Amino acid sequence: MGIADNSCTLCIFNFEFSIILPPMAAIEPPTLASETIAHIGSFEIRNTLIMAWLAMLVIFVVVFFARRTKFKEVPGRFQALLELIVEGLFSFFDSIIGGKKQTRTFFPLIATIFLFLMTANWMGILPGVGSITIAEEHAGEILNLPLFRSMNADVNMTLAIALISVISTQLFGIAALGVMPYANKFFVAPWRDPIGAFVGILELIAEMAKIISFSFRLFGNIFAGEVLLVVISFLMPYLAPIPFMGLEIFVGFIQALVFSMLTAVFLKMAVTAHGGHEEHGHGEHAVEPRSLESDVVKMARA
């Protein structure tokens, strides 16, 4: 009887434990690669691409209603809110770049990057993202693929924005300094200046490394947040994920801010010639700008 009682007790314990905590195999963590939802010819439409289109649609709708305000001298609430956002962003980036003329030149790019990334990051935690699925057959198996997925949880998306940032930096640098003066930042005759030639190679490698750094910093943070929400929602559903959603809102804002802020710093560095002087046009020297070290220190404190 003792053995029978013990085995019965063990069976009851196992049954109760399986009710409290289901097997971990029930968790379906997000995959590293985004899923293909449909095709247009040979073009694959992925769930992260759909989220990118939706984020663009949100921005277009806001711009549409902003245009309808006709930018009155006495703004309404909506126009006042938009002006507050734009003026705040302009003042912030101007404190990094250190010149209103250059800030006006760079502002459309860096503000668009910030608003687009922040919108996409915040839309990634909306209800239905990751939970609305469609059935697709793959290798003879029926898989439930999420219809929507956070845009920046796909490294292809972050890589595309990183390429836009880095290539734009090079174009602005060439436009400000000229082709040859800008190329002299990276290519120096070793027989004339061996140290300068070595530093130029390092700077060239650093320009390439920016693409990797931009891509994987943003991708890693957003993908990690996506996995965290899935695990917390599985272990303690309903109430426990709410604080983590607030954390993801904060992380989404910070990642968009860091991406655009670093773009602003790199743009400032690109239009500054060796020796600390800025060039306007091709060969016309301007006043000496603030040191880039102060900009980087201010960026780190922010």
C-alpha atoms as a PDB file:
ATOM      1  CA  MET A   1       0.000   0.000   0.000  1.00  0.00           C
ATOM      2  CA  GLY A   2       2.887   2.389   0.783  1.00  0.00           C
ATOM      3  CA  ILE A   3       4.294   2.021  -2.702  1.00  0.00           C
ATOM      4  CA  ALA A   4       0.876   2.434  -4.267  1.00  0.00           C
ATOM      5  CA  ASP A   5       0.170   5.541  -2.174  1.00  0.00           C
ATOM      6  CA  ASN A   6       3.486   7.098  -3.152  1.00  0.00           C
ATOM      7  CA  SER A   7       2.927   6.473  -6.864  1.00  0.00           C
ATOM      8  CA  CYS A   8      -0.563   7.929  -6.642  1.00  0.00           C
ATOM      9  CA  THR A   9       0.734  11.013  -4.861  1.00  0.00           C
ATOM     10  CA  LEU A  10       3.393  11.418  -7.542  1.00  0.00           C
ATOM     11  CA  CYS A  11       0.764  11.144 -10.294  1.00  0.00           C
ATOM     12  CA  ILE A  12      -1.389  13.817  -8.646  1.00  0.00           C
ATOM     13  CA  PHE A  13       1.645  16.127  -8.264  1.00  0.00           C
ATOM     14  CA  ASN A  14       2.566  15.734 -11.922  1.00  0.00           C
ATOM     15  CA  PHE A  15      -0.996  16.448 -13.000  1.00  0.00           C
ATOM     16  CA  GLU A  16      -1.220  19.630 -10.911  1.00  0.00           C
ATOM     17  CA  PHE A  17       2.196  20.821 -12.098  1.00  0.00           C
ATOM     18  CA  SER A  18       1.230  20.387 -15.756  1.00  0.00           C
ATOM     19  CA  ILE A  19      -1.836  22.578 -15.208  1.00  0.00           C
ATOM     20  CA  ILE A  20       0.095  25.382 -13.493  1.00  0.00           C
ATOM     21  CA  LEU A  21       2.966  25.499 -15.959  1.00  0.00           C
ATOM     22  CA  PRO A  22       2.433  24.033 -19.447  1.00  0.00           C
ATOM     23  CA  PRO A  23       5.391  22.514 -21.258  1.00  0.00           C
ATOM     24  CA  MET A  24       7.893  25.052 -22.559  1.00  0.00           C
ATOM     25  CA  ALA A  25       7.524  23.500 -26.008  1.00  0.00           C
ATOM     26  CA  ALA A  26       4.225  25.373 -26.276  1.00  0.00           C
ATOM     27  CA  ILE A  27       6.117  28.658 -26.665  1.00  0.00           C
ATOM     28  CA  GLU A  28       6.592  29.695 -30.282  1.00  0.00           C
ATOM     29  CA  PRO A  29       9.384  32.299 -30.167  1.00  0.00           C
ATOM     30  CA  PRO A  30       9.781  34.715 -33.078  1.00  0.00           C
ATOM     31  CA  THR A  31      12.120  33.544 -35.807  1.00  0.00           C
ATOM     32  CA  LEU A  32      15.184  35.528 -36.817  1.00  0.00           C
ATOM     33  CA  ALA A  33      13.947  35.749 -40.401  1.00  0.00           C
ATOM     34  CA  SER A  34      10.703  37.455 -41.300  1.00  0.00           C
ATOM     35  CA  GLU A  35       7.959  35.357 -42.866  1.00  0.00           C
ATOM     36  CA  THR A  36       6.702  35.608 -46.453  1.00  0.00           C
ATOM     37  CA  ILE A  37       2.971  36.326 -46.502  1.00  0.00           C
ATOM     38  CA  ALA A  38       2.268  36.699 -50.226  1.00  0.00           C
ATOM     39  CA  HIS A  39       3.927  37.183 -53.607  1.00  0.00           C
ATOM     40  CA  ILE A  40       3.596  39.749 -56.361  1.00  0.00           C
ATOM     41  CA  GLY A  41       5.195  37.852 -59.201  1.00  0.00           C
ATOM     42  CA  SER A  42       8.641  36.948 -57.881  1.00  0.00           C
ATOM     43  CA  PHE A  43       8.536  39.742 -55.277  1.00  0.00           C
ATOM     44  CA  GLU A  44       8.016  38.487 -51.724  1.00  0.00           C
ATOM     45  CA  ILE A  45       5.746  40.436 -49.401  1.00  0.00           C
ATOM     46  CA  ARG A  46       6.923  39.823 -45.849  1.00  0.00           C
ATOM     47  CA  ASN A  47       5.125  40.635 -42.621  1.00  0.00           C
ATOM     48  CA  THR A  48       7.774  43.185 -41.619  1.00  0.00           C
ATOM     49  CA  LEU A  49       7.354  44.905 -44.988  1.00  0.00           C
ATOM     50  CA  ILE A  50       3.613  45.195 -44.344  1.00  0.00           C
ATOM     51  CA  MET A  51       4.373  46.899 -41.018  1.00  0.00           C
ATOM     52  CA  ALA A  52       6.764  49.286 -42.781  1.00  0.00           C
ATOM     53  CA  TRP A  53       3.997  50.213 -45.232  1.00  0.00           C
ATOM     54  CA  LEU A  54       1.564  50.762 -42.354  1.00  0.00           C
ATOM     55  CA  ALA A  55       4.077  53.007 -40.558  1.00  0.00           C
ATOM     56  CA  MET A  56       4.496  55.016 -43.757  1.00  0.00           C
ATOM     57  CA  LEU A  57       0.701  55.231 -44.063  1.00  0.00           C
ATOM     58  CA  VAL A  58       0.422  56.640 -40.540  1.00  0.00           C
ATOM     59  CA  ILE A  59       3.010  59.327 -41.330  1.00  0.00           C
ATOM     60  CA  PHE A  60       1.298  60.169 -44.636  1.00  0.00           C
ATOM     61  CA  VAL A  61      -2.067  60.534 -42.867  1.00  0.00           C
ATOM     62  CA  VAL A  62      -0.549  62.884 -40.271  1.00  0.00           C
ATOM     63  CA  VAL A  63       1.090  64.936 -43.042  1.00  0.00           C
ATOM     64  CA  PHE A  64      -2.211  65.034 -44.950  1.00  0.00           C
ATOM     65  CA  PHE A  65      -4.099  66.465 -41.992  1.00  0.00           C
ATOM     66  CA  ALA A  66      -1.194  68.822 -41.269  1.00  0.00           C
ATOM     67  CA  ARG A  67      -1.508  70.210 -44.785  1.00  0.00           C
ATOM     68  CA  ARG A  68      -5.236  70.719 -44.261  1.00  0.00           C
ATOM     69  CA  THR A  69      -4.527  73.087 -41.355  1.00  0.00           C
ATOM     70  CA  LYS A  70      -2.967  75.472 -43.944  1.00  0.00           C
ATOM     71  CA  PHE A  71      -0.424  76.433 -41.263  1.00  0.00           C
ATOM     72  CA  LYS A  72      -2.503  79.212 -39.728  1.00  0.00           C
ATOM     73  CA  GLU A  73      -0.841  81.994 -37.755  1.00  0.00           C
ATOM     74  CA  VAL A  74      -3.103  81.138 -34.823  1.00  0.00           C
ATOM     75  CA  PRO A  75      -2.699  77.369 -34.711  1.00  0.00           C
ATOM     76  CA  GLY A  76      -5.264  74.907 -33.498  1.00  0.00           C
ATOM     77  CA  ARG A  77      -4.452  72.072 -31.113  1.00  0.00           C
ATOM     78  CA  PHE A  78      -3.314  69.673 -33.801  1.00  0.00           C
ATOM     79  CA  GLN A  79      -1.107  72.233 -35.539  1.00  0.00           C
ATOM     80  CA  ALA A  80       0.301  73.384 -32.186  1.00  0.00           C
ATOM     81  CA  LEU A  81       1.221  69.800 -31.310  1.00  0.00           C
ATOM     82  CA  LEU A  82       3.007  69.302 -34.631  1.00  0.00           C
ATOM     83  CA  GLU A  83       4.852  72.595 -34.260  1.00  0.00           C
ATOM     84  CA  LEU A  84       5.913  71.603 -30.762  1.00  0.00           C
ATOM     85  CA  ILE A  85       7.336  68.299 -32.046  1.00  0.00           C
ATOM     86  CA  VAL A  86       9.133  69.856 -35.012  1.00  0.00           C
ATOM     87  CA  GLU A  87      10.579  72.752 -33.023  1.00  0.00           C
ATOM     88  CA  GLY A  88      11.693  70.409 -30.250  1.00  0.00           C
ATOM     89  CA  LEU A  89      13.443  68.099 -32.692  1.00  0.00           C
ATOM     90  CA  PHE A  90      15.065  71.026 -34.512  1.00  0.00           C
ATOM     91  CA  SER A  91      16.398  72.519 -31.276  1.00  0.00           C
ATOM     92  CA  PHE A  92      17.718  69.144 -30.147  1.00  0.00           C
ATOM     93  CA  PHE A  93      19.551  68.374 -33.399  1.00  0.00           C
ATOM     94  CA  ASP A  94      20.813  71.955 -33.606  1.00  0.00           C
ATOM     95  CA  SER A  95      22.473  71.482 -30.205  1.00  0.00           C
ATOM     96  CA  ILE A  96      24.340  68.514 -31.691  1.00  0.00           C
ATOM     97  CA  ILE A  97      25.222  69.938 -35.103  1.00  0.00           C
ATOM     98  CA  GLY A  98      26.015  73.443 -33.862  1.00  0.00           C
ATOM     99  CA  GLY A  99      24.771  75.621 -36.702  1.00  0.00           C
ATOM    100  CA  LYS A 100      21.264  76.481 -37.820  1.00  0.00           C
ATOM    101  CA  LYS A 101      22.229  76.554 -41.507  1.00  0.00           C
ATOM    102  CA  GLN A 102      23.594  73.013 -41.414  1.00  0.00           C
ATOM    103  CA  THR A 103      20.750  71.866 -39.173  1.00  0.00           C
ATOM    104  CA  ARG A 104      18.225  73.075 -41.769  1.00  0.00           C
ATOM    105  CA  THR A 105      20.133  71.103 -44.406  1.00  0.00           C
ATOM    106  CA  PHE A 106      20.283  67.864 -42.415  1.00  0.00           C
ATOM    107  CA  PHE A 107      16.975  68.152 -40.562  1.00  0.00           C
ATOM    108  CA  PRO A 108      14.652  66.594 -43.193  1.00  0.00           C
ATOM    109  CA  LEU A 109      16.778  63.427 -43.274  1.00  0.00           C
ATOM    110  CA  ILE A 110      17.430  62.929 -39.573  1.00  0.00           C
ATOM    111  CA  ALA A 111      13.906  63.946 -38.481  1.00  0.00           C
ATOM    112  CA  THR A 112      12.353  61.560 -41.015  1.00  0.00           C
ATOM    113  CA  ILE A 113      14.569  58.719 -39.774  1.00  0.00           C
ATOM    114  CA  PHE A 114      13.603  59.454 -36.168  1.00  0.00           C
ATOM    115  CA  LEU A 115       9.844  59.709 -36.778  1.00  0.00           C
ATOM    116  CA  PHE A 116       9.731  56.679 -39.067  1.00  0.00           C
ATOM    117  CA  LEU A 117      11.698  54.442 -36.693  1.00  0.00           C
ATOM    118  CA  MET A 118       9.776  55.582 -33.624  1.00  0.00           C
ATOM    119  CA  THR A 119       6.418  55.041 -35.340  1.00  0.00           C
ATOM    120  CA  ALA A 120       7.457  51.580 -36.539  1.00  0.00           C
ATOM    121  CA  ASN A 121       8.830  50.618 -33.103  1.00  0.00           C
ATOM    122  CA  TRP A 122       5.663  51.688 -31.276  1.00  0.00           C
ATOM    123  CA  MET A 123       3.399  49.982 -33.795  1.00  0.00           C
ATOM    124  CA  GLY A 124       5.246  46.742 -33.067  1.00  0.00           C
ATOM    125  CA  ILE A 125       3.523  46.400 -29.671  1.00  0.00           C
ATOM    126  CA  LEU A 126      -0.014  47.060 -30.891  1.00  0.00           C
ATOM    127  CA  PRO A 127      -2.601  44.300 -30.309  1.00  0.00           C
ATOM    128  CA  GLY A 128      -2.620  41.848 -33.185  1.00  0.00           C
ATOM    129  CA  VAL A 129       1.041  42.264 -34.096  1.00  0.00           C
ATOM    130  CA  GLY A 130       2.461  38.757 -33.878  1.00  0.00           C
ATOM    131  CA  SER A 131      -0.842  37.237 -32.724  1.00  0.00           C
ATOM    132  CA  ILE A 132      -2.920  37.464 -35.919  1.00  0.00           C
ATOM    133  CA  THR A 133      -1.779  34.532 -38.025  1.00  0.00           C
ATOM    134  CA  ILE A 134      -2.558  32.960 -41.369  1.00  0.00           C
ATOM    135  CA  ALA A 135      -2.140  29.286 -42.295  1.00  0.00           C
ATOM    136  CA  GLU A 136       0.546  28.521 -44.852  1.00  0.00           C
ATOM    137  CA  GLU A 137       1.800  25.170 -46.115  1.00  0.00           C
ATOM    138  CA  HIS A 138       5.563  24.775 -45.962  1.00  0.00           C
ATOM    139  CA  ALA A 139       7.410  21.520 -46.683  1.00  0.00           C
ATOM    140  CA  GLY A 140       4.185  19.553 -46.309  1.00  0.00           C
ATOM    141  CA  GLU A 141       3.366  21.130 -42.922  1.00  0.00           C
ATOM    142  CA  ILE A 142       0.715  23.698 -42.060  1.00  0.00           C
ATOM    143  CA  LEU A 143       2.336  26.647 -40.273  1.00  0.00           C
ATOM    144  CA  ASN A 144       0.677  29.606 -38.586  1.00  0.00           C
ATOM    145  CA  LEU A 145       2.580  32.678 -39.797  1.00  0.00           C
ATOM    146  CA  PRO A 146       2.091  36.076 -38.145  1.00  0.00           C
ATOM    147  CA  LEU A 147       0.461  38.534 -40.516  1.00  0.00           C
ATOM    148  CA  PHE A 148       2.091  41.524 -38.810  1.00  0.00           C
ATOM    149  CA  ARG A 149       5.498  41.718 -37.200  1.00  0.00           C
ATOM    150  CA  SER A 150       7.576  44.586 -35.839  1.00  0.00           C
ATOM    151  CA  MET A 151       9.400  46.180 -38.773  1.00  0.00           C
ATOM    152  CA  ASN A 152      12.784  46.484 -37.084  1.00  0.00           C
ATOM    153  CA  ALA A 153      12.745  42.849 -35.932  1.00  0.00           C
ATOM    154  CA  ASP A 154      13.968  42.103 -39.462  1.00  0.00           C
ATOM    155  CA  VAL A 155      17.656  42.857 -40.049  1.00  0.00           C
ATOM    156  CA  ASN A 156      16.928  43.583 -43.710  1.00  0.00           C
ATOM    157  CA  MET A 157      14.864  46.609 -42.687  1.00  0.00           C
ATOM    158  CA  THR A 158      17.480  47.975 -40.306  1.00  0.00           C
ATOM    159  CA  LEU A 159      20.174  47.357 -42.930  1.00  0.00           C
ATOM    160  CA  ALA A 160      18.206  49.379 -45.496  1.00  0.00           C
ATOM    161  CA  ILE A 161      17.878  52.365 -43.149  1.00  0.00           C
ATOM    162  CA  ALA A 162      21.556  52.070 -42.175  1.00  0.00           C
ATOM    163  CA  LEU A 163      22.544  52.197 -45.862  1.00  0.00           C
ATOM    164  CA  ILE A 164      20.396  55.301 -46.348  1.00  0.00           C
ATOM    165  CA  SER A 165      22.091  56.968 -43.374  1.00  0.00           C
ATOM    166  CA  VAL A 166      25.671  56.085 -44.330  1.00  0.00           C
ATOM    167  CA  ILE A 167      25.312  56.796 -48.066  1.00  0.00           C
ATOM    168  CA  SER A 168      23.622  60.132 -47.330  1.00  0.00           C
ATOM    169  CA  THR A 169      26.518  60.991 -45.034  1.00  0.00           C
ATOM    170  CA  GLN A 170      29.008  60.412 -47.840  1.00  0.00           C
ATOM    171  CA  LEU A 171      26.940  62.447 -50.317  1.00  0.00           C
ATOM    172  CA  PHE A 172      26.625  65.390 -47.933  1.00  0.00           C
ATOM    173  CA  GLY A 173      30.367  65.236 -47.272  1.00  0.00           C
ATOM    174  CA  ILE A 174      31.203  65.260 -50.987  1.00  0.00           C
ATOM    175  CA  ALA A 175      28.759  68.120 -51.619  1.00  0.00           C
ATOM    176  CA  ALA A 176      30.295  70.206 -48.814  1.00  0.00           C
ATOM    177  CA  LEU A 177      34.004  69.521 -49.388  1.00  0.00           C
ATOM    178  CA  GLY A 178      34.279  68.369 -52.986  1.00  0.00           C
ATOM    179  CA  VAL A 179      35.222  64.941 -54.300  1.00  0.00           C
ATOM    180  CA  MET A 180      39.000  65.079 -53.897  1.00  0.00           C
ATOM    181  CA  PRO A 181      39.135  66.846 -50.490  1.00  0.00           C
ATOM    182  CA  TYR A 182      36.621  64.352 -49.128  1.00  0.00           C
ATOM    183  CA  ALA A 183      38.522  61.412 -50.628  1.00  0.00           C
ATOM    184  CA  ASN A 184      41.720  62.711 -48.972  1.00  0.00           C
ATOM    185  CA  LYS A 185      40.145  61.830 -45.641  1.00  0.00           C
ATOM    186  CA  PHE A 186      40.558  58.174 -46.523  1.00  0.00           C
ATOM    187  CA  PHE A 187      43.266  57.949 -49.174  1.00  0.00           C
ATOM    188  CA  VAL A 188      46.634  59.492 -48.320  1.00  0.00           C
ATOM    189  CA  ALA A 189      49.917  58.766 -50.124  1.00  0.00           C
ATOM    190  CA  PRO A 190      51.915  56.579 -47.710  1.00  0.00           C
ATOM    191  CA  TRP A 191      55.274  57.952 -48.896  1.00  0.00           C
ATOM    192  CA  ARG A 192      54.147  61.467 -47.942  1.00  0.00           C
ATOM    193  CA  ASP A 193      52.365  60.750 -44.674  1.00  0.00           C
ATOM    194  CA  PRO A 194      52.583  57.124 -43.460  1.00  0.00           C
ATOM    195  CA  ILE A 195      50.595  57.838 -40.297  1.00  0.00           C
ATOM    196  CA  GLY A 196      47.931  59.721 -42.245  1.00  0.00           C
ATOM    197  CA  ALA A 197      47.669  56.816 -44.707  1.00  0.00           C
ATOM    198  CA  PHE A 198      47.164  54.364 -41.844  1.00  0.00           C
ATOM    199  CA  VAL A 199      44.572  56.612 -40.180  1.00  0.00           C
ATOM    200  CA  GLY A 200      42.774  56.959 -43.529  1.00  0.00           C
ATOM    201  CA  ILE A 201      42.472  53.182 -43.791  1.00  0.00           C
ATOM    202  CA  LEU A 202      41.059  53.051 -40.272  1.00  0.00           C
ATOM    203  CA  GLU A 203      38.526  55.762 -41.115  1.00  0.00           C
ATOM    204  CA  LEU A 204      37.498  53.866 -44.249  1.00  0.00           C
ATOM    205  CA  ILE A 205      36.961  50.712 -42.192  1.00  0.00           C
ATOM    206  CA  ALA A 206      35.008  52.766 -39.648  1.00  0.00           C
ATOM    207  CA  GLU A 207      32.664  54.009 -42.377  1.00  0.00           C
ATOM    208  CA  MET A 208      31.928  50.415 -43.358  1.00  0.00           C
ATOM    209  CA  ALA A 209      31.521  49.410 -39.712  1.00  0.00           C
ATOM    210  CA  LYS A 210      28.821  52.067 -39.276  1.00  0.00           C
ATOM    211  CA  ILE A 211      26.512  49.996 -41.472  1.00  0.00           C
ATOM    212  CA  ILE A 212      26.949  46.920 -39.278  1.00  0.00           C
ATOM    213  CA  SER A 213      26.674  48.927 -36.069  1.00  0.00           C
ATOM    214  CA  PHE A 214      23.517  50.749 -37.135  1.00  0.00           C
ATOM    215  CA  SER A 215      21.860  47.572 -38.409  1.00  0.00           C
ATOM    216  CA  PHE A 216      22.494  45.202 -35.525  1.00  0.00           C
ATOM    217  CA  ARG A 217      22.045  47.712 -32.687  1.00  0.00           C
ATOM    218  CA  LEU A 218      18.503  48.507 -33.776  1.00  0.00           C
ATOM    219  CA  PHE A 219      17.666  44.948 -34.827  1.00  0.00           C
ATOM    220  CA  GLY A 220      19.044  43.409 -31.628  1.00  0.00           C
ATOM    221  CA  ASN A 221      17.113  45.681 -29.287  1.00  0.00           C
ATOM    222  CA  ILE A 222      13.777  45.364 -31.075  1.00  0.00           C
ATOM    223  CA  PHE A 223      14.065  41.605 -31.623  1.00  0.00           C
ATOM    224  CA  ALA A 224      15.047  41.058 -27.976  1.00  0.00           C
ATOM    225  CA  GLY A 225      12.001  43.046 -26.872  1.00  0.00           C
ATOM    226  CA  GLU A 226       9.795  40.967 -29.132  1.00  0.00           C
ATOM    227  CA  VAL A 227      11.103  37.730 -27.596  1.00  0.00           C
ATOM    228  CA  LEU A 228      10.753  39.156 -24.075  1.00  0.00           C
ATOM    229  CA  LEU A 229       7.090  40.023 -24.581  1.00  0.00           C
ATOM    230  CA  VAL A 230       6.358  36.550 -25.976  1.00  0.00           C
ATOM    231  CA  VAL A 231       7.983  34.805 -22.989  1.00  0.00           C
ATOM    232  CA  ILE A 232       6.380  37.065 -20.353  1.00  0.00           C
ATOM    233  CA  SER A 233       2.968  36.757 -22.017  1.00  0.00           C
ATOM    234  CA  PHE A 234       3.327  32.955 -21.886  1.00  0.00           C
ATOM    235  CA  LEU A 235       4.479  32.733 -18.270  1.00  0.00           C
ATOM    236  CA  MET A 236       2.214  35.432 -16.742  1.00  0.00           C
ATOM    237  CA  PRO A 237      -0.441  36.581 -19.221  1.00  0.00           C
ATOM    238  CA  TYR A 238      -2.776  39.603 -19.031  1.00  0.00           C
ATOM    239  CA  LEU A 239      -1.222  41.823 -16.336  1.00  0.00           C
ATOM    240  CA  ALA A 240       2.483  41.001 -16.230  1.00  0.00           C
ATOM    241  CA  PRO A 241       3.266  42.111 -19.828  1.00  0.00           C
ATOM    242  CA  ILE A 242       1.942  45.646 -19.226  1.00  0.00           C
ATOM    243  CA  PRO A 243       5.107  47.023 -17.514  1.00  0.00           C
ATOM    244  CA  PHE A 244       7.241  45.423 -20.204  1.00  0.00           C
ATOM    245  CA  MET A 245       5.139  47.069 -22.897  1.00  0.00           C
ATOM    246  CA  GLY A 246       5.879  50.390 -21.243  1.00  0.00           C
ATOM    247  CA  LEU A 247       9.552  49.457 -21.320  1.00  0.00           C
ATOM    248  CA  GLU A 248       9.283  48.665 -25.029  1.00  0.00           C
ATOM    249  CA  ILE A 249       7.706  52.077 -25.674  1.00  0.00           C
ATOM    250  CA  PHE A 250      10.694  53.681 -23.962  1.00  0.00           C
ATOM    251  CA  VAL A 251      13.208  51.461 -25.803  1.00  0.00           C
ATOM    252  CA  GLY A 252      11.520  52.174 -29.146  1.00  0.00           C
ATOM    253  CA  PHE A 253      11.851  55.914 -28.538  1.00  0.00           C
ATOM    254  CA  ILE A 254      15.470  55.676 -27.367  1.00  0.00           C
ATOM    255  CA  GLN A 255      16.558  53.494 -30.302  1.00  0.00           C
ATOM    256  CA  ALA A 256      15.015  55.888 -32.828  1.00  0.00           C
ATOM    257  CA  LEU A 257      16.650  58.824 -31.031  1.00  0.00           C
ATOM    258  CA  VAL A 258      20.077  57.159 -30.911  1.00  0.00           C
ATOM    259  CA  PHE A 259      19.916  56.205 -34.600  1.00  0.00           C
ATOM    260  CA  SER A 260      19.012  59.736 -35.715  1.00  0.00           C
ATOM    261  CA  MET A 261      21.409  61.355 -33.246  1.00  0.00           C
ATOM    262  CA  LEU A 262      24.366  59.313 -34.479  1.00  0.00           C
ATOM    263  CA  THR A 263      23.368  60.154 -38.047  1.00  0.00           C
ATOM    264  CA  ALA A 264      23.501  63.851 -37.120  1.00  0.00           C
ATOM    265  CA  VAL A 265      26.954  63.443 -35.544  1.00  0.00           C
ATOM    266  CA  PHE A 266      28.303  61.566 -38.568  1.00  0.00           C
ATOM    267  CA  LEU A 267      26.871  64.203 -40.911  1.00  0.00           C
ATOM    268  CA  LYS A 268      28.631  66.903 -38.908  1.00  0.00           C
ATOM    269  CA  MET A 269      31.902  64.992 -39.107  1.00  0.00           C
ATOM    270  CA  ALA A 270      31.479  64.342 -42.840  1.00  0.00           C
ATOM    271  CA  VAL A 271      31.217  68.036 -43.742  1.00  0.00           C
ATOM    272  CA  THR A 272      34.210  68.954 -41.586  1.00  0.00           C
ATOM    273  CA  ALA A 273      37.572  68.857 -43.359  1.00  0.00           C
ATOM    274  CA  HIS A 274      40.807  67.710 -41.735  1.00  0.00           C
ATOM    275  CA  GLY A 275      42.174  70.463 -39.551  1.00  0.00           C
ATOM    276  CA  GLY A 276      38.803  71.336 -38.012  1.00  0.00           C
ATOM    277  CA  HIS A 277      37.521  73.760 -40.697  1.00  0.00           C
ATOM    278  CA  GLU A 278      34.205  73.396 -42.466  1.00  0.00           C
ATOM    279  CA  GLU A 279      33.999  73.795 -46.208  1.00  0.00           C
ATOM    280  CA  HIS A 280      31.119  75.425 -48.018  1.00  0.00           C
ATOM    281  CA  GLY A 281      31.085  74.682 -51.709  1.00  0.00           C
ATOM    282  CA  HIS A 282      34.482  73.714 -53.070  1.00  0.00           C
ATOM    283  CA  GLY A 283      37.296  75.493 -51.324  1.00  0.00           C
ATOM    284  CA  GLU A 284      35.621  78.392 -49.472  1.00  0.00           C
ATOM    285  CA  HIS A 285      36.630  78.252 -45.817  1.00  0.00           C
ATOM    286  CA  ALA A 286      34.238  79.220 -43.080  1.00  0.00           C
ATOM    287  CA  VAL A 287      34.736  79.983 -39.435  1.00  0.00           C
ATOM    288  CA  GLU A 288      36.085  77.232 -37.268  1.00  0.00           C
ATOM    289  CA  PRO A 289      33.235  75.148 -35.837  1.00  0.00           C
ATOM    290  CA  ARG A 290      32.867  73.797 -32.370  1.00  0.00           C
ATOM    291  CA  SER A 291      34.984  70.758 -31.661  1.00  0.00           C
ATOM    292  CA  LEU A 292      33.397  67.423 -32.500  1.00  0.00           C
ATOM    293  CA  GLU A 293      34.482  66.117 -29.117  1.00  0.00           C
ATOM    294  CA  SER A 294      32.017  68.484 -27.408  1.00  0.00           C
ATOM    295  CA  ASP A 295      29.239  67.227 -29.700  1.00  0.00           C
ATOM    296  CA  VAL A 296      29.991  63.594 -28.877  1.00  0.00           C
ATOM    297  CA  VAL A 297      30.144  64.348 -25.150  1.00  0.00           C
ATOM    298  CA  LYS A 298      26.801  66.146 -25.316  1.00  0.00           C
ATOM    299  CA  MET A 299      25.349  63.216 -27.276  1.00  0.00           C
ATOM    300  CA  ALA A 300      26.544  60.753 -24.606  1.00  0.00           C
ATOM    301  CA  ARG A 301      25.056  62.859 -21.797  1.00  0.00           C
ATOM    302  CA  ALA A 302      21.732  63.083 -23.638  1.00  0.00           C
END
